[in-house]
Amino acid sequence: METTYDKKNYTSHIKAYLKRLSERMPADERSEWQQQMQEWVKGVLADFDSYRFFTGAEMDPETMVVLMKTGEDGKTPFLYYIRQGLEA
């Protein structure tokens, strides 16, 4: 389901979500992953108005928010998931 965020609320959400994910990761992978995520979040926030936000039907605030950005052609949707937050 589509949901909305302003930049401040999304920043709070993604920080808390990434913290929960990092706590489940092996310690030897955590530092590099946190740096990568920090750079990714900076990029998202820099282009914040280009993204749409989606969450599960339950609208659980503890779960991943999927981001969607339309490609340069104005038609092709690109969905962004955080791999470490997916469960098989």
N, C-alpha and C. Protein backbone atom coordinates (compact mmCIF):
# COMPACT_ATOMS: atom_id res chain seq x y z
N MET A 1 0.85 -1.17 0.00
CA MET A 1 0.00 0.00 0.00
C MET A 1 0.89 1.23 0.00
N GLU A 2 0.46 2.23 -0.75
CA GLU A 2 1.24 3.46 -0.76
C GLU A 2 1.01 4.23 0.54
N THR A 3 2.07 4.85 1.01
CA THR A 3 2.00 5.66 2.21
C THR A 3 2.76 6.95 1.95
N THR A 4 2.69 7.88 2.85
CA THR A 4 3.40 9.16 2.67
C THR A 4 4.33 9.41 3.84
N TYR A 5 5.38 10.12 3.53
CA TYR A 5 6.34 10.58 4.53
C TYR A 5 6.78 11.98 4.17
N ASP A 6 7.07 12.76 5.18
CA ASP A 6 7.85 13.96 4.93
C ASP A 6 9.29 13.58 5.24
N LYS A 7 10.20 14.44 4.90
CA LYS A 7 11.61 14.09 5.03
C LYS A 7 12.00 13.78 6.48
N LYS A 8 11.48 14.55 7.41
CA LYS A 8 11.81 14.36 8.83
C LYS A 8 11.31 13.00 9.33
N ASN A 9 10.07 12.66 9.02
CA ASN A 9 9.51 11.38 9.47
C ASN A 9 10.20 10.19 8.81
N TYR A 10 10.51 10.32 7.52
CA TYR A 10 11.21 9.22 6.85
C TYR A 10 12.59 9.03 7.46
N THR A 11 13.28 10.12 7.73
CA THR A 11 14.61 10.03 8.34
C THR A 11 14.55 9.29 9.67
N SER A 12 13.58 9.62 10.49
CA SER A 12 13.41 8.92 11.78
C SER A 12 13.11 7.45 11.56
N HIS A 13 12.22 7.15 10.62
CA HIS A 13 11.86 5.76 10.35
C HIS A 13 13.06 4.96 9.87
N ILE A 14 13.78 5.48 8.87
CA ILE A 14 14.87 4.70 8.27
C ILE A 14 16.01 4.51 9.26
N LYS A 15 16.29 5.50 10.10
CA LYS A 15 17.34 5.33 11.11
C LYS A 15 16.99 4.21 12.07
N ALA A 16 15.76 4.20 12.56
CA ALA A 16 15.34 3.16 13.50
C ALA A 16 15.33 1.79 12.82
N TYR A 17 14.86 1.74 11.59
CA TYR A 17 14.79 0.47 10.87
C TYR A 17 16.19 -0.08 10.61
N LEU A 18 17.10 0.77 10.15
CA LEU A 18 18.47 0.31 9.88
C LEU A 18 19.17 -0.12 11.16
N LYS A 19 18.87 0.53 12.26
CA LYS A 19 19.46 0.12 13.54
C LYS A 19 18.99 -1.29 13.91
N ARG A 20 17.69 -1.56 13.74
CA ARG A 20 17.17 -2.91 14.03
C ARG A 20 17.83 -3.95 13.13
N LEU A 21 18.00 -3.62 11.86
CA LEU A 21 18.64 -4.56 10.94
C LEU A 21 20.10 -4.81 11.33
N SER A 22 20.81 -3.75 11.66
CA SER A 22 22.24 -3.90 11.97
C SER A 22 22.46 -4.75 13.21
N GLU A 23 21.53 -4.71 14.14
CA GLU A 23 21.65 -5.51 15.35
C GLU A 23 21.55 -7.01 15.06
N ARG A 24 20.94 -7.37 13.94
CA ARG A 24 20.80 -8.78 13.57
C ARG A 24 21.95 -9.27 12.68
N MET A 25 22.82 -8.37 12.27
CA MET A 25 23.90 -8.73 11.36
C MET A 25 25.13 -9.22 12.12
N PRO A 26 25.96 -10.03 11.46
CA PRO A 26 27.23 -10.41 12.08
C PRO A 26 28.09 -9.16 12.32
N ALA A 27 28.77 -9.12 13.42
CA ALA A 27 29.56 -7.94 13.80
C ALA A 27 30.60 -7.56 12.76
N ASP A 28 31.20 -8.56 12.09
CA ASP A 28 32.25 -8.26 11.12
C ASP A 28 31.71 -7.62 9.83
N GLU A 29 30.42 -7.67 9.60
CA GLU A 29 29.82 -7.06 8.41
C GLU A 29 29.15 -5.72 8.71
N ARG A 30 28.93 -5.46 9.96
CA ARG A 30 28.10 -4.33 10.38
C ARG A 30 28.66 -2.97 9.97
N SER A 31 29.92 -2.71 10.22
CA SER A 31 30.49 -1.38 9.98
C SER A 31 30.43 -0.99 8.51
N GLU A 32 30.86 -1.88 7.64
CA GLU A 32 30.85 -1.57 6.21
C GLU A 32 29.41 -1.37 5.71
N TRP A 33 28.50 -2.21 6.15
CA TRP A 33 27.11 -2.11 5.74
C TRP A 33 26.51 -0.78 6.21
N GLN A 34 26.80 -0.39 7.45
CA GLN A 34 26.27 0.87 7.96
C GLN A 34 26.77 2.05 7.15
N GLN A 35 28.02 2.02 6.72
CA GLN A 35 28.56 3.09 5.88
C GLN A 35 27.84 3.13 4.53
N GLN A 36 27.62 1.96 3.94
CA GLN A 36 26.92 1.89 2.66
C GLN A 36 25.49 2.42 2.79
N MET A 37 24.82 2.04 3.85
CA MET A 37 23.45 2.49 4.06
C MET A 37 23.39 4.00 4.32
N GLN A 38 24.37 4.52 5.03
CA GLN A 38 24.41 5.95 5.29
C GLN A 38 24.52 6.73 3.97
N GLU A 39 25.36 6.27 3.07
CA GLU A 39 25.50 6.92 1.76
C GLU A 39 24.21 6.80 0.96
N TRP A 40 23.59 5.64 0.99
CA TRP A 40 22.34 5.43 0.26
C TRP A 40 21.24 6.36 0.79
N VAL A 41 21.11 6.45 2.10
CA VAL A 41 20.09 7.31 2.70
C VAL A 41 20.35 8.77 2.34
N LYS A 42 21.59 9.20 2.34
CA LYS A 42 21.91 10.58 1.93
C LYS A 42 21.42 10.84 0.51
N GLY A 43 21.63 9.87 -0.38
CA GLY A 43 21.18 10.01 -1.76
C GLY A 43 19.66 10.10 -1.86
N VAL A 44 18.98 9.28 -1.08
CA VAL A 44 17.52 9.32 -1.08
C VAL A 44 17.03 10.67 -0.57
N LEU A 45 17.60 11.13 0.52
CA LEU A 45 17.16 12.41 1.09
C LEU A 45 17.47 13.59 0.17
N ALA A 46 18.55 13.50 -0.58
CA ALA A 46 18.91 14.57 -1.51
C ALA A 46 17.90 14.69 -2.65
N ASP A 47 17.25 13.58 -2.99
CA ASP A 47 16.29 13.55 -4.10
C ASP A 47 14.92 13.08 -3.59
N PHE A 48 14.60 13.45 -2.37
CA PHE A 48 13.45 12.93 -1.64
C PHE A 48 12.13 13.03 -2.40
N ASP A 49 11.89 14.15 -3.06
CA ASP A 49 10.61 14.37 -3.72
C ASP A 49 10.40 13.49 -4.95
N SER A 50 11.42 12.77 -5.38
CA SER A 50 11.30 11.88 -6.54
C SER A 50 10.81 10.48 -6.15
N TYR A 51 10.69 10.21 -4.87
CA TYR A 51 10.34 8.88 -4.39
C TYR A 51 8.90 8.80 -3.92
N ARG A 52 8.33 7.61 -4.09
CA ARG A 52 7.05 7.26 -3.49
C ARG A 52 7.34 6.12 -2.52
N PHE A 53 6.49 5.96 -1.51
CA PHE A 53 6.75 5.03 -0.42
C PHE A 53 5.62 4.00 -0.31
N PHE A 54 6.01 2.74 -0.11
CA PHE A 54 5.04 1.65 -0.02
C PHE A 54 5.36 0.78 1.19
N THR A 55 4.30 0.29 1.80
CA THR A 55 4.44 -0.59 2.95
C THR A 55 3.42 -1.72 2.83
N GLY A 56 3.55 -2.72 3.66
CA GLY A 56 2.61 -3.83 3.64
C GLY A 56 1.22 -3.41 4.03
N ALA A 57 0.26 -4.25 3.73
CA ALA A 57 -1.14 -3.94 4.02
C ALA A 57 -1.38 -3.70 5.51
N GLU A 58 -0.55 -4.30 6.37
CA GLU A 58 -0.71 -4.13 7.81
C GLU A 58 -0.24 -2.75 8.27
N MET A 59 0.53 -2.05 7.42
CA MET A 59 1.08 -0.73 7.75
C MET A 59 1.89 -0.77 9.05
N ASP A 60 2.62 -1.86 9.27
CA ASP A 60 3.43 -2.05 10.47
C ASP A 60 4.62 -1.10 10.43
N PRO A 61 4.75 -0.20 11.40
CA PRO A 61 5.84 0.78 11.39
C PRO A 61 7.22 0.17 11.63
N GLU A 62 7.25 -1.09 12.04
CA GLU A 62 8.53 -1.76 12.30
C GLU A 62 9.12 -2.40 11.05
N THR A 63 8.37 -2.45 9.97
CA THR A 63 8.83 -3.16 8.77
C THR A 63 9.42 -2.21 7.73
N MET A 64 9.96 -2.82 6.69
CA MET A 64 10.60 -2.08 5.62
C MET A 64 9.58 -1.25 4.84
N VAL A 65 10.01 -0.07 4.45
CA VAL A 65 9.26 0.75 3.53
C VAL A 65 9.98 0.64 2.19
N VAL A 66 9.24 0.25 1.16
CA VAL A 66 9.81 0.09 -0.17
C VAL A 66 9.71 1.43 -0.88
N LEU A 67 10.80 1.84 -1.51
CA LEU A 67 10.82 3.10 -2.23
C LEU A 67 10.64 2.84 -3.71
N MET A 68 9.96 3.75 -4.38
CA MET A 68 9.80 3.67 -5.82
C MET A 68 10.19 5.01 -6.43
N LYS A 69 10.96 4.93 -7.49
CA LYS A 69 11.37 6.11 -8.23
C LYS A 69 11.17 5.80 -9.71
N THR A 70 10.62 6.75 -10.44
CA THR A 70 10.38 6.55 -11.86
C THR A 70 11.66 6.85 -12.63
N GLY A 71 11.93 6.02 -13.64
CA GLY A 71 13.12 6.19 -14.46
C GLY A 71 13.09 7.45 -15.29
N GLU A 72 14.17 7.69 -15.99
CA GLU A 72 14.29 8.90 -16.80
C GLU A 72 13.24 8.99 -17.90
N ASP A 73 12.71 7.84 -18.32
CA ASP A 73 11.69 7.85 -19.36
C ASP A 73 10.33 8.29 -18.83
N GLY A 74 10.22 8.47 -17.51
CA GLY A 74 8.98 8.91 -16.90
C GLY A 74 7.94 7.81 -16.75
N LYS A 75 8.28 6.59 -17.15
CA LYS A 75 7.32 5.49 -17.12
C LYS A 75 7.80 4.29 -16.31
N THR A 76 9.07 3.99 -16.40
CA THR A 76 9.60 2.77 -15.79
C THR A 76 9.78 2.95 -14.28
N PRO A 77 9.08 2.14 -13.47
CA PRO A 77 9.24 2.24 -12.02
C PRO A 77 10.42 1.39 -11.55
N PHE A 78 11.19 1.94 -10.65
CA PHE A 78 12.28 1.21 -10.00
C PHE A 78 11.94 1.13 -8.52
N LEU A 79 11.89 -0.10 -8.01
CA LEU A 79 11.59 -0.32 -6.60
C LEU A 79 12.88 -0.62 -5.86
N TYR A 80 13.04 -0.02 -4.70
CA TYR A 80 14.25 -0.17 -3.90
C TYR A 80 13.91 -0.88 -2.59
N TYR A 81 14.54 -2.04 -2.41
CA TYR A 81 14.40 -2.84 -1.20
C TYR A 81 15.76 -2.90 -0.51
N ILE A 82 15.75 -3.04 0.79
CA ILE A 82 16.99 -3.27 1.53
C ILE A 82 17.10 -4.78 1.70
N ARG A 83 18.06 -5.35 1.01
CA ARG A 83 18.22 -6.81 0.94
C ARG A 83 18.24 -7.45 2.32
N GLN A 84 18.94 -6.84 3.26
CA GLN A 84 19.09 -7.43 4.58
C GLN A 84 17.74 -7.45 5.35
N GLY A 85 16.75 -6.75 4.86
CA GLY A 85 15.45 -6.74 5.52
C GLY A 85 14.45 -7.71 4.94
N LEU A 86 14.88 -8.42 3.88
CA LEU A 86 13.98 -9.40 3.25
C LEU A 86 14.13 -10.76 3.91
N GLU A 87 13.03 -11.47 4.01
CA GLU A 87 13.05 -12.82 4.55
C GLU A 87 12.45 -13.75 3.53
N ALA A 88 13.11 -14.88 3.35
CA ALA A 88 12.61 -15.87 2.37
C ALA A 88 11.46 -16.64 2.96
